[in-house]
Amino acid sequence: CSKVCAGTTADSSGTTAWKQPFKITITFSVDMSACGFVAVPIVTTSLEAAALDWGTGLSLLISNGGQVVSLNTTSFDAYIYNDNPTYGLDIATAARYKWNIDWVAFGYTC
């Protein structure tokens, strides 16, 4: 039995509760437990944004679209990072431009 499950990190107001473990990285934990996967699924992500500030160097973010780490049957962490440490990346910027991660997972439920 296979299943496609999808979601977004945005809440009802269109914002994501990002965490910031490093100066150039923000992250969010995604709960997929409602999908009911019995084996680790295949997950793809994309960065959704109302806007990007191309003049700040943060355009480099768009190239990774949300790196998936710590993937298991019920959750994963999505990381957004800036390859250029000259420009910081912070939660305020992500909130201002309404960044969130849209995700799709394909896996087995039996």
N, C-alpha and C. Protein backbone atom coordinates (compact mmCIF):
# COMPACT_ATOMS: atom_id res chain seq x y z
N CYS A 1 0.84 -1.17 0.00
CA CYS A 1 0.00 0.00 0.00
C CYS A 1 0.89 1.24 0.00
N SER A 2 0.71 2.10 -0.95
CA SER A 2 1.50 3.33 -1.02
C SER A 2 0.60 4.54 -0.85
N LYS A 3 1.22 5.64 -0.47
CA LYS A 3 0.46 6.85 -0.18
C LYS A 3 1.29 8.08 -0.51
N VAL A 4 0.63 9.12 -1.01
CA VAL A 4 1.23 10.44 -1.17
C VAL A 4 0.61 11.34 -0.11
N CYS A 5 1.46 12.03 0.61
CA CYS A 5 1.03 12.91 1.69
C CYS A 5 1.74 14.25 1.47
N ALA A 6 1.07 15.34 1.71
CA ALA A 6 1.67 16.66 1.47
C ALA A 6 1.28 17.63 2.56
N GLY A 7 2.08 18.69 2.68
CA GLY A 7 1.77 19.71 3.67
C GLY A 7 2.62 20.95 3.50
N THR A 8 2.47 21.85 4.43
CA THR A 8 3.23 23.09 4.45
C THR A 8 3.60 23.41 5.89
N THR A 9 4.67 24.14 6.07
CA THR A 9 5.05 24.57 7.41
C THR A 9 4.30 25.82 7.84
N ALA A 10 3.56 26.44 6.92
CA ALA A 10 2.83 27.67 7.24
C ALA A 10 1.63 27.36 8.12
N ASP A 11 1.40 28.21 9.11
CA ASP A 11 0.20 28.06 9.94
C ASP A 11 -0.95 28.81 9.29
N SER A 12 -2.07 28.94 9.96
CA SER A 12 -3.25 29.58 9.38
C SER A 12 -3.04 31.05 9.01
N SER A 13 -2.05 31.68 9.62
CA SER A 13 -1.76 33.08 9.27
C SER A 13 -0.73 33.20 8.14
N GLY A 14 -0.25 32.04 7.65
CA GLY A 14 0.71 32.05 6.54
C GLY A 14 2.15 32.18 6.98
N THR A 15 2.43 31.98 8.26
CA THR A 15 3.80 32.10 8.75
C THR A 15 4.30 30.76 9.29
N THR A 16 5.59 30.62 9.36
CA THR A 16 6.25 29.43 9.88
C THR A 16 7.01 29.78 11.14
N ALA A 17 6.95 28.91 12.13
CA ALA A 17 7.67 29.13 13.39
C ALA A 17 9.09 28.60 13.26
N TRP A 18 9.93 29.36 12.56
CA TRP A 18 11.31 28.95 12.31
C TRP A 18 12.13 28.95 13.60
N LYS A 19 13.18 28.15 13.64
CA LYS A 19 14.20 28.18 14.69
C LYS A 19 15.51 28.55 14.00
N GLN A 20 16.45 29.11 14.75
CA GLN A 20 17.71 29.53 14.16
C GLN A 20 18.89 28.96 14.93
N PRO A 21 19.40 27.78 14.50
CA PRO A 21 20.52 27.17 15.21
C PRO A 21 21.88 27.82 14.91
N PHE A 22 22.01 28.47 13.74
CA PHE A 22 23.27 29.09 13.33
C PHE A 22 22.95 30.42 12.64
N LYS A 23 23.96 31.29 12.52
CA LYS A 23 23.77 32.61 11.93
C LYS A 23 23.22 32.53 10.50
N ILE A 24 23.65 31.55 9.73
CA ILE A 24 23.26 31.48 8.32
C ILE A 24 22.24 30.37 8.05
N THR A 25 21.54 29.89 9.08
CA THR A 25 20.61 28.77 8.92
C THR A 25 19.34 28.99 9.73
N ILE A 26 18.21 28.67 9.11
CA ILE A 26 16.96 28.58 9.86
C ILE A 26 16.39 27.19 9.59
N THR A 27 15.61 26.68 10.54
CA THR A 27 15.10 25.32 10.42
C THR A 27 13.69 25.20 10.97
N PHE A 28 13.01 24.14 10.56
CA PHE A 28 11.67 23.85 11.04
C PHE A 28 11.48 22.34 11.06
N SER A 29 10.88 21.82 12.11
CA SER A 29 10.59 20.38 12.20
C SER A 29 9.20 20.12 11.65
N VAL A 30 9.09 19.13 10.77
CA VAL A 30 7.83 18.78 10.13
C VAL A 30 7.32 17.47 10.71
N ASP A 31 6.08 17.48 11.18
CA ASP A 31 5.43 16.30 11.73
C ASP A 31 4.61 15.63 10.62
N MET A 32 5.00 14.41 10.24
CA MET A 32 4.27 13.65 9.22
C MET A 32 3.55 12.45 9.83
N SER A 33 3.39 12.41 11.13
CA SER A 33 2.83 11.22 11.79
C SER A 33 1.43 10.88 11.28
N ALA A 34 0.66 11.87 10.86
CA ALA A 34 -0.69 11.61 10.35
C ALA A 34 -0.67 10.85 9.01
N CYS A 35 0.47 10.83 8.34
CA CYS A 35 0.57 10.12 7.06
C CYS A 35 0.55 8.60 7.25
N GLY A 36 1.02 8.12 8.38
CA GLY A 36 0.98 6.69 8.67
C GLY A 36 2.00 5.84 7.94
N PHE A 37 3.14 6.41 7.60
CA PHE A 37 4.17 5.63 6.89
C PHE A 37 4.76 4.55 7.81
N VAL A 38 5.02 3.37 7.23
CA VAL A 38 5.64 2.28 7.98
C VAL A 38 7.11 2.11 7.60
N ALA A 39 7.54 2.79 6.55
CA ALA A 39 8.94 2.82 6.12
C ALA A 39 9.28 4.27 5.80
N VAL A 40 10.55 4.60 5.84
CA VAL A 40 10.97 5.98 5.57
C VAL A 40 10.55 6.36 4.14
N PRO A 41 9.77 7.44 4.00
CA PRO A 41 9.28 7.86 2.68
C PRO A 41 10.32 8.66 1.89
N ILE A 42 10.00 8.90 0.65
CA ILE A 42 10.75 9.83 -0.19
C ILE A 42 10.10 11.19 0.01
N VAL A 43 10.90 12.22 0.30
CA VAL A 43 10.36 13.55 0.57
C VAL A 43 11.02 14.57 -0.35
N THR A 44 10.21 15.45 -0.89
CA THR A 44 10.72 16.57 -1.66
C THR A 44 10.14 17.85 -1.07
N THR A 45 10.90 18.93 -1.13
CA THR A 45 10.46 20.20 -0.55
C THR A 45 10.67 21.34 -1.53
N SER A 46 9.97 22.43 -1.27
CA SER A 46 10.22 23.66 -2.02
C SER A 46 10.01 24.84 -1.10
N LEU A 47 10.74 25.90 -1.35
CA LEU A 47 10.62 27.12 -0.56
C LEU A 47 9.56 28.00 -1.20
N GLU A 48 8.54 28.35 -0.44
CA GLU A 48 7.52 29.28 -0.90
C GLU A 48 7.78 30.61 -0.22
N ALA A 49 7.67 31.69 -0.97
CA ALA A 49 7.93 33.02 -0.41
C ALA A 49 7.04 34.04 -1.10
N ALA A 50 6.55 34.99 -0.31
CA ALA A 50 5.80 36.11 -0.87
C ALA A 50 6.74 37.00 -1.67
N ALA A 51 8.02 37.06 -1.23
CA ALA A 51 9.02 37.87 -1.91
C ALA A 51 10.41 37.48 -1.40
N LEU A 52 11.41 37.81 -2.16
CA LEU A 52 12.80 37.68 -1.74
C LEU A 52 13.47 39.03 -1.93
N ASP A 53 14.38 39.36 -1.06
CA ASP A 53 15.12 40.61 -1.18
C ASP A 53 16.41 40.32 -1.95
N TRP A 54 16.34 40.44 -3.27
CA TRP A 54 17.47 40.07 -4.14
C TRP A 54 18.70 40.92 -3.87
N GLY A 55 18.54 42.09 -3.32
CA GLY A 55 19.68 42.97 -3.09
C GLY A 55 20.52 42.60 -1.88
N THR A 56 20.07 41.68 -1.04
CA THR A 56 20.80 41.36 0.18
C THR A 56 21.72 40.16 0.05
N GLY A 57 21.71 39.50 -1.09
CA GLY A 57 22.50 38.29 -1.23
C GLY A 57 21.75 37.04 -0.78
N LEU A 58 20.56 37.20 -0.24
CA LEU A 58 19.80 36.05 0.23
C LEU A 58 19.17 35.26 -0.90
N SER A 59 19.33 35.72 -2.13
CA SER A 59 18.81 34.96 -3.26
C SER A 59 19.47 33.59 -3.35
N LEU A 60 20.62 33.42 -2.71
CA LEU A 60 21.30 32.12 -2.71
C LEU A 60 20.47 31.06 -2.01
N LEU A 61 19.56 31.46 -1.16
CA LEU A 61 18.71 30.51 -0.44
C LEU A 61 17.86 29.67 -1.36
N ILE A 62 17.38 30.29 -2.40
CA ILE A 62 16.41 29.64 -3.25
C ILE A 62 16.97 28.37 -3.90
N SER A 63 18.28 28.27 -3.99
CA SER A 63 18.88 27.12 -4.66
C SER A 63 18.71 25.82 -3.90
N ASN A 64 18.52 25.88 -2.58
CA ASN A 64 18.38 24.60 -1.87
C ASN A 64 16.94 24.28 -1.51
N GLY A 65 16.06 25.23 -1.47
CA GLY A 65 14.64 24.99 -1.31
C GLY A 65 14.20 24.25 -0.06
N GLY A 66 15.05 24.03 0.88
CA GLY A 66 14.70 23.34 2.09
C GLY A 66 15.33 21.97 2.16
N GLN A 67 16.52 21.91 2.68
CA GLN A 67 17.24 20.65 2.78
C GLN A 67 16.57 19.76 3.84
N VAL A 68 16.33 18.49 3.49
CA VAL A 68 15.69 17.55 4.40
C VAL A 68 16.77 16.77 5.16
N VAL A 69 16.67 16.79 6.49
CA VAL A 69 17.59 16.02 7.34
C VAL A 69 16.78 15.31 8.43
N SER A 70 17.40 14.33 9.06
CA SER A 70 16.76 13.57 10.15
C SER A 70 15.42 12.98 9.72
N LEU A 71 15.35 12.49 8.50
CA LEU A 71 14.12 11.93 7.96
C LEU A 71 13.83 10.57 8.58
N ASN A 72 12.61 10.37 9.04
CA ASN A 72 12.15 9.07 9.52
C ASN A 72 10.69 8.89 9.13
N THR A 73 10.01 7.89 9.64
CA THR A 73 8.64 7.61 9.22
C THR A 73 7.62 8.64 9.69
N THR A 74 7.96 9.42 10.71
CA THR A 74 6.98 10.37 11.27
C THR A 74 7.37 11.85 11.17
N SER A 75 8.62 12.14 10.84
CA SER A 75 9.03 13.54 10.83
C SER A 75 10.32 13.76 10.04
N PHE A 76 10.62 15.04 9.80
CA PHE A 76 11.92 15.44 9.25
C PHE A 76 12.15 16.90 9.63
N ASP A 77 13.39 17.32 9.51
CA ASP A 77 13.75 18.73 9.71
C ASP A 77 14.06 19.34 8.36
N ALA A 78 13.56 20.54 8.12
CA ALA A 78 13.83 21.28 6.89
C ALA A 78 14.76 22.43 7.23
N TYR A 79 15.87 22.54 6.52
CA TYR A 79 16.86 23.60 6.74
C TYR A 79 16.93 24.51 5.52
N ILE A 80 16.96 25.80 5.77
CA ILE A 80 17.25 26.79 4.75
C ILE A 80 18.55 27.47 5.17
N TYR A 81 19.47 27.59 4.26
CA TYR A 81 20.74 28.22 4.62
C TYR A 81 21.21 29.14 3.52
N ASN A 82 22.09 30.05 3.89
CA ASN A 82 22.69 30.99 2.97
C ASN A 82 24.15 30.60 2.80
N ASP A 83 24.54 30.29 1.57
CA ASP A 83 25.91 29.87 1.29
C ASP A 83 26.93 30.98 1.48
N ASN A 84 26.50 32.22 1.55
CA ASN A 84 27.40 33.35 1.65
C ASN A 84 27.33 33.94 3.06
N PRO A 85 28.32 33.62 3.93
CA PRO A 85 28.26 34.09 5.31
C PRO A 85 28.35 35.61 5.49
N THR A 86 28.62 36.34 4.40
CA THR A 86 28.63 37.79 4.47
C THR A 86 27.25 38.32 4.83
N TYR A 87 26.23 37.61 4.39
CA TYR A 87 24.86 38.01 4.64
C TYR A 87 24.23 37.06 5.66
N GLY A 88 23.72 37.62 6.72
CA GLY A 88 23.07 36.79 7.72
C GLY A 88 21.70 36.33 7.24
N LEU A 89 21.22 35.33 7.88
CA LEU A 89 19.88 34.83 7.61
C LEU A 89 19.18 34.77 8.95
N ASP A 90 18.02 35.39 9.06
CA ASP A 90 17.36 35.38 10.36
C ASP A 90 15.87 35.14 10.23
N ILE A 91 15.27 34.86 11.36
CA ILE A 91 13.85 34.55 11.42
C ILE A 91 13.02 35.77 11.01
N ALA A 92 13.48 36.96 11.33
CA ALA A 92 12.74 38.18 10.96
C ALA A 92 12.62 38.31 9.44
N THR A 93 13.69 38.00 8.72
CA THR A 93 13.65 38.06 7.26
C THR A 93 12.67 37.03 6.72
N ALA A 94 12.72 35.82 7.25
CA ALA A 94 11.81 34.76 6.82
C ALA A 94 10.36 35.15 7.08
N ALA A 95 10.09 35.77 8.22
CA ALA A 95 8.73 36.19 8.56
C ALA A 95 8.28 37.34 7.65
N ARG A 96 9.18 38.31 7.44
CA ARG A 96 8.84 39.48 6.62
C ARG A 96 8.43 39.06 5.21
N TYR A 97 9.12 38.08 4.64
CA TYR A 97 8.83 37.64 3.28
C TYR A 97 7.95 36.39 3.23
N LYS A 98 7.41 35.98 4.39
CA LYS A 98 6.48 34.85 4.50
C LYS A 98 7.02 33.58 3.86
N TRP A 99 8.24 33.23 4.24
CA TRP A 99 8.82 31.99 3.74
C TRP A 99 8.21 30.81 4.48
N ASN A 100 7.95 29.74 3.75
CA ASN A 100 7.58 28.48 4.36
C ASN A 100 7.99 27.35 3.43
N ILE A 101 7.98 26.15 3.97
CA ILE A 101 8.37 24.97 3.21
C ILE A 101 7.11 24.18 2.86
N ASP A 102 6.91 23.95 1.57
CA ASP A 102 5.88 23.04 1.11
C ASP A 102 6.56 21.69 0.88
N TRP A 103 5.91 20.59 1.25
CA TRP A 103 6.54 19.28 1.13
C TRP A 103 5.56 18.23 0.61
N VAL A 104 6.13 17.24 -0.06
CA VAL A 104 5.38 16.09 -0.56
C VAL A 104 6.18 14.85 -0.18
N ALA A 105 5.49 13.86 0.36
CA ALA A 105 6.14 12.60 0.75
C ALA A 105 5.42 11.43 0.07
N PHE A 106 6.20 10.47 -0.41
CA PHE A 106 5.64 9.24 -0.98
C PHE A 106 6.23 8.07 -0.21
N GLY A 107 5.36 7.20 0.29
CA GLY A 107 5.86 6.07 1.05
C GLY A 107 4.82 4.98 1.21
N TYR A 108 5.20 3.97 1.98
CA TYR A 108 4.33 2.81 2.19
C TYR A 108 3.64 2.88 3.56
N THR A 109 2.38 2.47 3.56
CA THR A 109 1.59 2.49 4.78
C THR A 109 1.24 1.08 5.26
N CYS A 110 1.65 0.07 4.52
CA CYS A 110 1.43 -1.32 4.94
C CYS A 110 2.49 -2.24 4.33
